[in-house]
Amino acid sequence: MRQDEELHFARKAMHGNPDAYAWLITRHQEYLYKMAFLYMKNEQDALDLVGVTILKGYQNIRHLKKPQLFRTWITSILINTAKNELKKIVYYDEIDEKHLSDRYHAVSLEERLDLESAIELLPEKYRTAIILKYFSELSVHEISYIMNAPEGTVKAYLSRARNELKNILKEDYFYAD
């Protein structure tokens, strides 16, 4: 029922219904904030990023081609906006543990900080793939859509990123899927 309901509201939003767009955003607001926080690493910048993403999404909702992919589409906007913002800013803030996946919480604080530092060392395309896969728990298909890359390329990014992380950390934090 939730999927059908979301599809219904996405179609209405695509036709200019602001209430339908607001419903979609409300449904995904926590997810958007968590994703934004993973990129921005502080609350205020994450909230600002979500705000900009919501505005850009509203301005471009008519360009959404597949209403069933609304969440993936809005994630793509968020990531592209985050990349643009991060080009202007450098952060040294510590991570906020409340907003990371259970897999990430399974390691000690020291290991988490090491992992966070290691992820920051990855090339941007690998870092994005790792964040989407392991922190946002998206499928390879969804990551492919967001990154505008073939699924095979995304799988290669994930494999290479895991290998680089293993070399950096000398530990196996990620398990091949």
N, C-alpha and C. Protein backbone atom coordinates (compact mmCIF):
# COMPACT_ATOMS: atom_id res chain seq x y z
N MET A 1 0.82 -1.20 0.00
CA MET A 1 0.00 0.00 0.00
C MET A 1 0.86 1.26 0.00
N ARG A 2 1.95 1.27 0.78
CA ARG A 2 2.81 2.46 0.85
C ARG A 2 3.42 2.78 -0.51
N GLN A 3 3.82 1.76 -1.26
CA GLN A 3 4.43 1.98 -2.59
C GLN A 3 3.39 2.57 -3.55
N ASP A 4 2.17 2.02 -3.53
CA ASP A 4 1.11 2.54 -4.39
C ASP A 4 0.77 3.98 -4.01
N GLU A 5 0.75 4.24 -2.72
CA GLU A 5 0.45 5.58 -2.23
C GLU A 5 1.54 6.56 -2.67
N GLU A 6 2.80 6.14 -2.55
CA GLU A 6 3.90 7.00 -2.97
C GLU A 6 3.85 7.26 -4.47
N LEU A 7 3.57 6.25 -5.24
CA LEU A 7 3.46 6.40 -6.69
C LEU A 7 2.35 7.39 -7.04
N HIS A 8 1.24 7.28 -6.35
CA HIS A 8 0.11 8.20 -6.56
C HIS A 8 0.53 9.65 -6.29
N PHE A 9 1.18 9.88 -5.15
CA PHE A 9 1.60 11.24 -4.80
C PHE A 9 2.71 11.75 -5.72
N ALA A 10 3.59 10.86 -6.15
CA ALA A 10 4.66 11.28 -7.08
C ALA A 10 4.05 11.75 -8.40
N ARG A 11 3.07 11.04 -8.89
CA ARG A 11 2.42 11.45 -10.14
C ARG A 11 1.73 12.80 -9.98
N LYS A 12 1.05 12.98 -8.85
CA LYS A 12 0.37 14.26 -8.60
C LYS A 12 1.40 15.39 -8.50
N ALA A 13 2.51 15.12 -7.82
CA ALA A 13 3.56 16.14 -7.69
C ALA A 13 4.14 16.50 -9.05
N MET A 14 4.31 15.50 -9.90
CA MET A 14 4.85 15.75 -11.25
C MET A 14 3.92 16.66 -12.06
N HIS A 15 2.65 16.66 -11.70
CA HIS A 15 1.68 17.51 -12.39
C HIS A 15 1.46 18.83 -11.66
N GLY A 16 2.36 19.16 -10.73
CA GLY A 16 2.32 20.48 -10.11
C GLY A 16 1.59 20.59 -8.78
N ASN A 17 1.23 19.50 -8.17
CA ASN A 17 0.51 19.54 -6.89
C ASN A 17 1.51 19.71 -5.74
N PRO A 18 1.58 20.90 -5.12
CA PRO A 18 2.57 21.12 -4.05
C PRO A 18 2.29 20.29 -2.80
N ASP A 19 1.03 19.98 -2.52
CA ASP A 19 0.71 19.16 -1.35
C ASP A 19 1.23 17.73 -1.53
N ALA A 20 1.14 17.23 -2.75
CA ALA A 20 1.65 15.89 -3.03
C ALA A 20 3.18 15.86 -2.86
N TYR A 21 3.84 16.90 -3.32
CA TYR A 21 5.30 16.98 -3.16
C TYR A 21 5.65 17.05 -1.68
N ALA A 22 4.90 17.83 -0.92
CA ALA A 22 5.13 17.95 0.53
C ALA A 22 4.96 16.60 1.21
N TRP A 23 3.96 15.83 0.78
CA TRP A 23 3.75 14.49 1.36
C TRP A 23 4.97 13.61 1.10
N LEU A 24 5.49 13.64 -0.12
CA LEU A 24 6.67 12.84 -0.48
C LEU A 24 7.88 13.24 0.37
N ILE A 25 8.09 14.53 0.50
CA ILE A 25 9.23 15.03 1.28
C ILE A 25 9.08 14.63 2.74
N THR A 26 7.89 14.77 3.28
CA THR A 26 7.65 14.37 4.67
C THR A 26 7.96 12.89 4.87
N ARG A 27 7.59 12.09 3.92
CA ARG A 27 7.85 10.65 4.00
C ARG A 27 9.34 10.34 4.00
N HIS A 28 10.14 11.13 3.28
CA HIS A 28 11.56 10.85 3.12
C HIS A 28 12.48 11.81 3.87
N GLN A 29 11.92 12.68 4.70
CA GLN A 29 12.74 13.71 5.32
C GLN A 29 13.83 13.14 6.23
N GLU A 30 13.54 12.12 7.00
CA GLU A 30 14.56 11.55 7.88
C GLU A 30 15.69 10.93 7.06
N TYR A 31 15.33 10.20 6.03
CA TYR A 31 16.33 9.60 5.13
C TYR A 31 17.20 10.69 4.49
N LEU A 32 16.58 11.76 4.00
CA LEU A 32 17.33 12.84 3.36
C LEU A 32 18.30 13.48 4.34
N TYR A 33 17.84 13.68 5.57
CA TYR A 33 18.73 14.27 6.57
C TYR A 33 19.93 13.35 6.85
N LYS A 34 19.67 12.07 7.01
CA LYS A 34 20.77 11.12 7.29
C LYS A 34 21.78 11.12 6.15
N MET A 35 21.29 11.12 4.93
CA MET A 35 22.19 11.16 3.77
C MET A 35 22.98 12.46 3.77
N ALA A 36 22.31 13.56 4.01
CA ALA A 36 22.97 14.87 4.02
C ALA A 36 24.02 14.92 5.12
N PHE A 37 23.72 14.35 6.27
CA PHE A 37 24.66 14.37 7.38
C PHE A 37 25.91 13.55 7.04
N LEU A 38 25.74 12.44 6.34
CA LEU A 38 26.90 11.63 5.94
C LEU A 38 27.86 12.44 5.06
N TYR A 39 27.32 13.32 4.28
CA TYR A 39 28.16 14.16 3.42
C TYR A 39 28.68 15.38 4.14
N MET A 40 27.83 16.07 4.86
CA MET A 40 28.18 17.38 5.42
C MET A 40 28.84 17.29 6.80
N LYS A 41 28.53 16.25 7.55
CA LYS A 41 29.15 15.96 8.85
C LYS A 41 28.85 16.96 9.95
N ASN A 42 27.85 17.81 9.78
CA ASN A 42 27.36 18.60 10.91
C ASN A 42 25.89 18.92 10.66
N GLU A 43 25.18 19.13 11.75
CA GLU A 43 23.72 19.26 11.69
C GLU A 43 23.25 20.42 10.84
N GLN A 44 23.80 21.60 11.07
CA GLN A 44 23.32 22.79 10.37
C GLN A 44 23.54 22.69 8.85
N ASP A 45 24.73 22.26 8.46
CA ASP A 45 24.99 22.13 7.02
C ASP A 45 24.14 21.03 6.40
N ALA A 46 23.88 19.97 7.16
CA ALA A 46 23.01 18.90 6.65
C ALA A 46 21.59 19.43 6.46
N LEU A 47 21.11 20.19 7.41
CA LEU A 47 19.77 20.78 7.29
C LEU A 47 19.70 21.75 6.11
N ASP A 48 20.74 22.55 5.95
CA ASP A 48 20.79 23.47 4.80
C ASP A 48 20.77 22.69 3.49
N LEU A 49 21.54 21.61 3.43
CA LEU A 49 21.58 20.79 2.22
C LEU A 49 20.21 20.18 1.92
N VAL A 50 19.53 19.71 2.95
CA VAL A 50 18.19 19.15 2.74
C VAL A 50 17.26 20.24 2.21
N GLY A 51 17.34 21.43 2.78
CA GLY A 51 16.50 22.52 2.31
C GLY A 51 16.73 22.86 0.85
N VAL A 52 17.98 22.94 0.46
CA VAL A 52 18.32 23.22 -0.94
C VAL A 52 17.83 22.09 -1.84
N THR A 53 18.01 20.86 -1.37
CA THR A 53 17.57 19.68 -2.14
C THR A 53 16.07 19.71 -2.35
N ILE A 54 15.32 20.02 -1.30
CA ILE A 54 13.86 20.08 -1.40
C ILE A 54 13.44 21.15 -2.42
N LEU A 55 14.09 22.29 -2.35
CA LEU A 55 13.77 23.37 -3.30
C LEU A 55 14.10 22.96 -4.73
N LYS A 56 15.29 22.42 -4.94
CA LYS A 56 15.66 21.99 -6.30
C LYS A 56 14.73 20.89 -6.80
N GLY A 57 14.37 19.98 -5.90
CA GLY A 57 13.44 18.91 -6.27
C GLY A 57 12.10 19.47 -6.71
N TYR A 58 11.59 20.43 -5.94
CA TYR A 58 10.30 21.04 -6.27
C TYR A 58 10.37 21.76 -7.61
N GLN A 59 11.47 22.46 -7.84
CA GLN A 59 11.62 23.20 -9.10
C GLN A 59 11.75 22.27 -10.30
N ASN A 60 12.20 21.03 -10.07
CA ASN A 60 12.46 20.11 -11.18
C ASN A 60 11.60 18.87 -11.18
N ILE A 61 10.57 18.80 -10.34
CA ILE A 61 9.75 17.59 -10.22
C ILE A 61 9.11 17.20 -11.55
N ARG A 62 8.86 18.16 -12.40
CA ARG A 62 8.25 17.85 -13.70
C ARG A 62 9.20 17.05 -14.60
N HIS A 63 10.50 17.06 -14.27
CA HIS A 63 11.49 16.33 -15.06
C HIS A 63 11.68 14.89 -14.58
N LEU A 64 11.03 14.53 -13.48
CA LEU A 64 11.10 13.15 -12.99
C LEU A 64 10.44 12.25 -14.03
N LYS A 65 11.19 11.30 -14.56
CA LYS A 65 10.68 10.45 -15.63
C LYS A 65 9.90 9.25 -15.11
N LYS A 66 10.35 8.69 -13.98
CA LYS A 66 9.69 7.50 -13.43
C LYS A 66 9.25 7.81 -12.00
N PRO A 67 7.96 8.02 -11.79
CA PRO A 67 7.48 8.39 -10.45
C PRO A 67 7.82 7.35 -9.38
N GLN A 68 7.97 6.09 -9.77
CA GLN A 68 8.31 5.05 -8.79
C GLN A 68 9.74 5.19 -8.28
N LEU A 69 10.55 6.02 -8.93
CA LEU A 69 11.94 6.25 -8.52
C LEU A 69 12.11 7.60 -7.83
N PHE A 70 11.07 8.12 -7.22
CA PHE A 70 11.17 9.44 -6.59
C PHE A 70 12.31 9.50 -5.58
N ARG A 71 12.38 8.53 -4.67
CA ARG A 71 13.42 8.56 -3.63
C ARG A 71 14.82 8.53 -4.24
N THR A 72 15.01 7.72 -5.24
CA THR A 72 16.30 7.65 -5.92
C THR A 72 16.61 8.97 -6.61
N TRP A 73 15.62 9.55 -7.24
CA TRP A 73 15.78 10.82 -7.94
C TRP A 73 16.14 11.95 -6.97
N ILE A 74 15.44 12.05 -5.86
CA ILE A 74 15.72 13.12 -4.90
C ILE A 74 17.08 12.89 -4.23
N THR A 75 17.47 11.63 -4.06
CA THR A 75 18.81 11.32 -3.53
C THR A 75 19.88 11.81 -4.48
N SER A 76 19.66 11.63 -5.76
CA SER A 76 20.60 12.10 -6.77
C SER A 76 20.78 13.62 -6.68
N ILE A 77 19.69 14.33 -6.50
CA ILE A 77 19.76 15.79 -6.36
C ILE A 77 20.56 16.14 -5.11
N LEU A 78 20.29 15.44 -4.01
CA LEU A 78 20.99 15.71 -2.76
C LEU A 78 22.49 15.49 -2.90
N ILE A 79 22.87 14.38 -3.52
CA ILE A 79 24.30 14.06 -3.66
C ILE A 79 25.00 15.08 -4.55
N ASN A 80 24.39 15.43 -5.66
CA ASN A 80 25.01 16.42 -6.55
C ASN A 80 25.14 17.78 -5.86
N THR A 81 24.14 18.15 -5.09
CA THR A 81 24.20 19.41 -4.35
C THR A 81 25.29 19.33 -3.28
N ALA A 82 25.37 18.20 -2.60
CA ALA A 82 26.41 18.01 -1.56
C ALA A 82 27.80 18.11 -2.17
N LYS A 83 28.00 17.48 -3.30
CA LYS A 83 29.32 17.54 -3.96
C LYS A 83 29.70 18.99 -4.28
N ASN A 84 28.74 19.75 -4.77
CA ASN A 84 29.01 21.16 -5.08
C ASN A 84 29.35 21.94 -3.82
N GLU A 85 28.64 21.68 -2.74
CA GLU A 85 28.90 22.38 -1.48
C GLU A 85 30.25 21.98 -0.89
N LEU A 86 30.58 20.71 -0.98
CA LEU A 86 31.83 20.23 -0.38
C LEU A 86 33.06 20.75 -1.12
N LYS A 87 32.89 21.14 -2.35
CA LYS A 87 34.01 21.74 -3.07
C LYS A 87 34.41 23.06 -2.42
N LYS A 88 33.46 23.69 -1.73
CA LYS A 88 33.70 24.99 -1.11
C LYS A 88 34.13 24.88 0.35
N ILE A 89 33.91 23.72 0.98
CA ILE A 89 34.08 23.61 2.43
C ILE A 89 34.97 22.42 2.78
N VAL A 90 35.76 22.56 3.83
CA VAL A 90 36.53 21.45 4.38
C VAL A 90 36.12 21.28 5.84
N TYR A 91 35.82 20.04 6.23
CA TYR A 91 35.37 19.78 7.60
C TYR A 91 36.37 18.96 8.38
N TYR A 92 36.43 19.23 9.68
CA TYR A 92 37.24 18.44 10.59
C TYR A 92 36.40 17.94 11.76
N ASP A 93 35.09 18.09 11.67
CA ASP A 93 34.20 17.68 12.76
C ASP A 93 34.19 16.17 12.91
N GLU A 94 33.93 15.73 14.13
CA GLU A 94 33.80 14.29 14.37
C GLU A 94 32.46 13.83 13.85
N ILE A 95 32.36 12.55 13.65
CA ILE A 95 31.12 11.97 13.14
C ILE A 95 30.06 11.96 14.23
N ASP A 96 28.81 12.00 13.83
CA ASP A 96 27.68 11.90 14.75
C ASP A 96 27.16 10.48 14.66
N GLU A 97 27.34 9.73 15.72
CA GLU A 97 27.05 8.31 15.71
C GLU A 97 25.58 7.98 15.51
N LYS A 98 24.66 8.89 15.85
CA LYS A 98 23.24 8.58 15.79
C LYS A 98 22.77 8.31 14.36
N HIS A 99 23.48 8.79 13.37
CA HIS A 99 22.95 8.77 12.01
C HIS A 99 23.63 7.78 11.08
N LEU A 100 24.26 6.77 11.63
CA LEU A 100 24.95 5.82 10.79
C LEU A 100 24.32 4.45 10.91
N SER A 101 24.54 3.59 9.95
CA SER A 101 23.88 2.29 9.92
C SER A 101 24.34 1.38 11.04
N ASP A 102 23.56 0.34 11.28
CA ASP A 102 23.90 -0.64 12.33
C ASP A 102 25.24 -1.30 12.05
N ARG A 103 25.53 -1.57 10.80
CA ARG A 103 26.80 -2.19 10.44
C ARG A 103 27.96 -1.33 10.91
N TYR A 104 27.81 -0.05 10.77
CA TYR A 104 28.84 0.89 11.18
C TYR A 104 28.97 0.92 12.70
N HIS A 105 27.85 0.75 13.40
CA HIS A 105 27.87 0.76 14.87
C HIS A 105 28.47 -0.50 15.46
N ALA A 106 28.65 -1.54 14.67
CA ALA A 106 29.16 -2.80 15.18
C ALA A 106 30.65 -2.72 15.52
N VAL A 107 31.30 -1.64 15.20
CA VAL A 107 32.72 -1.49 15.49
C VAL A 107 32.92 -0.45 16.58
N SER A 108 34.08 -0.47 17.21
CA SER A 108 34.37 0.47 18.30
C SER A 108 34.49 1.90 17.75
N LEU A 109 34.47 2.87 18.67
CA LEU A 109 34.58 4.27 18.28
C LEU A 109 35.90 4.52 17.53
N GLU A 110 36.97 3.95 18.02
CA GLU A 110 38.27 4.12 17.36
C GLU A 110 38.24 3.55 15.94
N GLU A 111 37.64 2.38 15.79
CA GLU A 111 37.54 1.78 14.46
C GLU A 111 36.65 2.61 13.55
N ARG A 112 35.58 3.17 14.12
CA ARG A 112 34.69 4.02 13.32
C ARG A 112 35.42 5.26 12.82
N LEU A 113 36.19 5.85 13.69
CA LEU A 113 36.95 7.04 13.28
C LEU A 113 37.98 6.68 12.21
N ASP A 114 38.62 5.52 12.36
CA ASP A 114 39.56 5.04 11.34
C ASP A 114 38.83 4.81 10.02
N LEU A 115 37.66 4.18 10.10
CA LEU A 115 36.88 3.90 8.90
C LEU A 115 36.44 5.20 8.22
N GLU A 116 35.95 6.14 9.01
CA GLU A 116 35.54 7.44 8.47
C GLU A 116 36.71 8.12 7.75
N SER A 117 37.87 8.09 8.38
CA SER A 117 39.06 8.70 7.77
C SER A 117 39.45 7.98 6.49
N ALA A 118 39.36 6.66 6.51
CA ALA A 118 39.71 5.86 5.33
C ALA A 118 38.75 6.15 4.17
N ILE A 119 37.47 6.26 4.48
CA ILE A 119 36.48 6.54 3.43
C ILE A 119 36.75 7.91 2.80
N GLU A 120 37.16 8.86 3.61
CA GLU A 120 37.47 10.20 3.10
C GLU A 120 38.66 10.18 2.14
N LEU A 121 39.53 9.17 2.26
CA LEU A 121 40.70 9.07 1.38
C LEU A 121 40.37 8.47 0.01
N LEU A 122 39.21 7.85 -0.10
CA LEU A 122 38.83 7.21 -1.36
C LEU A 122 38.54 8.26 -2.43
N PRO A 123 38.75 7.90 -3.70
CA PRO A 123 38.31 8.79 -4.78
C PRO A 123 36.80 9.02 -4.66
N GLU A 124 36.34 10.15 -5.12
CA GLU A 124 34.94 10.54 -4.95
C GLU A 124 33.95 9.48 -5.42
N LYS A 125 34.18 8.88 -6.58
CA LYS A 125 33.22 7.90 -7.10
C LYS A 125 33.16 6.65 -6.22
N TYR A 126 34.28 6.23 -5.66
CA TYR A 126 34.29 5.09 -4.75
C TYR A 126 33.62 5.45 -3.44
N ARG A 127 33.92 6.64 -2.92
CA ARG A 127 33.34 7.09 -1.66
C ARG A 127 31.82 7.16 -1.78
N THR A 128 31.33 7.73 -2.87
CA THR A 128 29.89 7.83 -3.08
C THR A 128 29.25 6.45 -3.13
N ALA A 129 29.84 5.53 -3.86
CA ALA A 129 29.30 4.17 -3.96
C ALA A 129 29.25 3.49 -2.59
N ILE A 130 30.32 3.62 -1.82
CA ILE A 130 30.38 3.00 -0.49
C ILE A 130 29.33 3.60 0.44
N ILE A 131 29.20 4.91 0.45
CA ILE A 131 28.22 5.57 1.31
C ILE A 131 26.80 5.12 0.94
N LEU A 132 26.50 5.10 -0.34
CA LEU A 132 25.16 4.71 -0.77
C LEU A 132 24.86 3.25 -0.45
N LYS A 133 25.85 2.38 -0.63
CA LYS A 133 25.65 0.95 -0.40
C LYS A 133 25.58 0.60 1.08
N TYR A 134 26.55 1.05 1.85
CA TYR A 134 26.67 0.57 3.23
C TYR A 134 26.05 1.48 4.28
N PHE A 135 25.88 2.75 3.99
CA PHE A 135 25.29 3.65 4.97
C PHE A 135 23.83 3.93 4.65
N SER A 136 23.49 3.98 3.36
CA SER A 136 22.11 4.21 2.96
C SER A 136 21.41 2.91 2.57
N GLU A 137 22.19 1.85 2.45
CA GLU A 137 21.68 0.51 2.15
C GLU A 137 20.85 0.47 0.86
N LEU A 138 21.34 1.17 -0.16
CA LEU A 138 20.69 1.16 -1.47
C LEU A 138 21.20 -0.02 -2.28
N SER A 139 20.40 -0.45 -3.23
CA SER A 139 20.81 -1.54 -4.11
C SER A 139 21.77 -1.02 -5.17
N VAL A 140 22.46 -1.93 -5.82
CA VAL A 140 23.37 -1.55 -6.91
C VAL A 140 22.58 -0.85 -8.01
N HIS A 141 21.36 -1.32 -8.27
CA HIS A 141 20.52 -0.70 -9.29
C HIS A 141 20.23 0.77 -8.93
N GLU A 142 19.87 1.03 -7.67
CA GLU A 142 19.59 2.40 -7.25
C GLU A 142 20.85 3.27 -7.30
N ILE A 143 21.97 2.71 -6.88
CA ILE A 143 23.23 3.45 -6.93
C ILE A 143 23.59 3.78 -8.37
N SER A 144 23.35 2.83 -9.26
CA SER A 144 23.60 3.03 -10.68
C SER A 144 22.81 4.23 -11.20
N TYR A 145 21.57 4.31 -10.81
CA TYR A 145 20.71 5.42 -11.24
C TYR A 145 21.23 6.75 -10.69
N ILE A 146 21.55 6.76 -9.40
CA ILE A 146 22.00 7.99 -8.74
C ILE A 146 23.31 8.48 -9.34
N MET A 147 24.24 7.53 -9.56
CA MET A 147 25.56 7.91 -10.07
C MET A 147 25.60 8.04 -11.59
N ASN A 148 24.49 7.69 -12.23
CA ASN A 148 24.41 7.74 -13.69
C ASN A 148 25.54 6.91 -14.31
N ALA A 149 25.65 5.67 -13.81
CA ALA A 149 26.69 4.75 -14.26
C ALA A 149 26.07 3.36 -14.40
N PRO A 150 26.59 2.54 -15.32
CA PRO A 150 26.07 1.17 -15.45
C PRO A 150 26.27 0.38 -14.15
N GLU A 151 25.40 -0.61 -13.93
CA GLU A 151 25.49 -1.42 -12.72
C GLU A 151 26.84 -2.10 -12.59
N GLY A 152 27.39 -2.58 -13.69
CA GLY A 152 28.71 -3.21 -13.66
C GLY A 152 29.79 -2.25 -13.17
N THR A 153 29.67 -1.01 -13.57
CA THR A 153 30.63 0.01 -13.13
C THR A 153 30.50 0.24 -11.64
N VAL A 154 29.26 0.29 -11.15
CA VAL A 154 29.03 0.49 -9.71
C VAL A 154 29.62 -0.69 -8.93
N LYS A 155 29.40 -1.90 -9.42
CA LYS A 155 29.97 -3.09 -8.76
C LYS A 155 31.49 -3.01 -8.72
N ALA A 156 32.08 -2.54 -9.81
CA ALA A 156 33.54 -2.38 -9.85
C ALA A 156 33.99 -1.31 -8.86
N TYR A 157 33.26 -0.19 -8.78
CA TYR A 157 33.59 0.85 -7.80
C TYR A 157 33.56 0.30 -6.39
N LEU A 158 32.51 -0.47 -6.09
CA LEU A 158 32.38 -1.04 -4.74
C LEU A 158 33.52 -2.01 -4.44
N SER A 159 33.84 -2.85 -5.40
CA SER A 159 34.93 -3.81 -5.21
C SER A 159 36.27 -3.09 -5.01
N ARG A 160 36.54 -2.13 -5.85
CA ARG A 160 37.80 -1.38 -5.74
C ARG A 160 37.85 -0.58 -4.44
N ALA A 161 36.72 -0.01 -4.06
CA ALA A 161 36.67 0.76 -2.81
C ALA A 161 36.93 -0.15 -1.62
N ARG A 162 36.32 -1.33 -1.61
CA ARG A 162 36.56 -2.27 -0.50
C ARG A 162 38.03 -2.67 -0.45
N ASN A 163 38.62 -2.91 -1.61
CA ASN A 163 40.04 -3.27 -1.65
C ASN A 163 40.92 -2.13 -1.14
N GLU A 164 40.61 -0.92 -1.55
CA GLU A 164 41.39 0.23 -1.06
C GLU A 164 41.22 0.40 0.44
N LEU A 165 39.99 0.21 0.92
CA LEU A 165 39.75 0.33 2.36
C LEU A 165 40.52 -0.75 3.13
N LYS A 166 40.55 -1.97 2.58
CA LYS A 166 41.32 -3.05 3.22
C LYS A 166 42.79 -2.67 3.32
N ASN A 167 43.30 -2.10 2.24
CA ASN A 167 44.71 -1.69 2.25
C ASN A 167 44.96 -0.56 3.24
N ILE A 168 44.05 0.37 3.30
CA ILE A 168 44.21 1.50 4.21
C ILE A 168 44.09 1.05 5.66
N LEU A 169 43.10 0.21 5.91
CA LEU A 169 42.78 -0.17 7.29
C LEU A 169 43.48 -1.45 7.75
N LYS A 170 43.93 -2.24 6.80
CA LYS A 170 44.53 -3.54 7.12
C LYS A 170 43.55 -4.43 7.88
N GLU A 171 42.26 -4.19 7.66
CA GLU A 171 41.19 -4.96 8.28
C GLU A 171 40.10 -5.16 7.23
N ASP A 172 39.21 -6.11 7.43
CA ASP A 172 38.11 -6.33 6.50
C ASP A 172 36.81 -5.84 7.13
N TYR A 173 36.54 -4.54 7.03
CA TYR A 173 35.33 -3.96 7.62
C TYR A 173 34.10 -4.25 6.75
N PHE A 174 34.30 -4.38 5.47
CA PHE A 174 33.17 -4.59 4.57
C PHE A 174 33.20 -6.01 4.05
N TYR A 175 32.02 -6.55 3.90
CA TYR A 175 31.90 -7.91 3.41
C TYR A 175 31.34 -7.86 2.01
N ALA A 176 31.90 -8.62 1.12
CA ALA A 176 31.43 -8.61 -0.27
C ALA A 176 29.99 -9.11 -0.30
N ASP A 177 29.19 -8.46 -1.13
CA ASP A 177 27.78 -8.86 -1.27
C ASP A 177 27.58 -9.62 -2.54
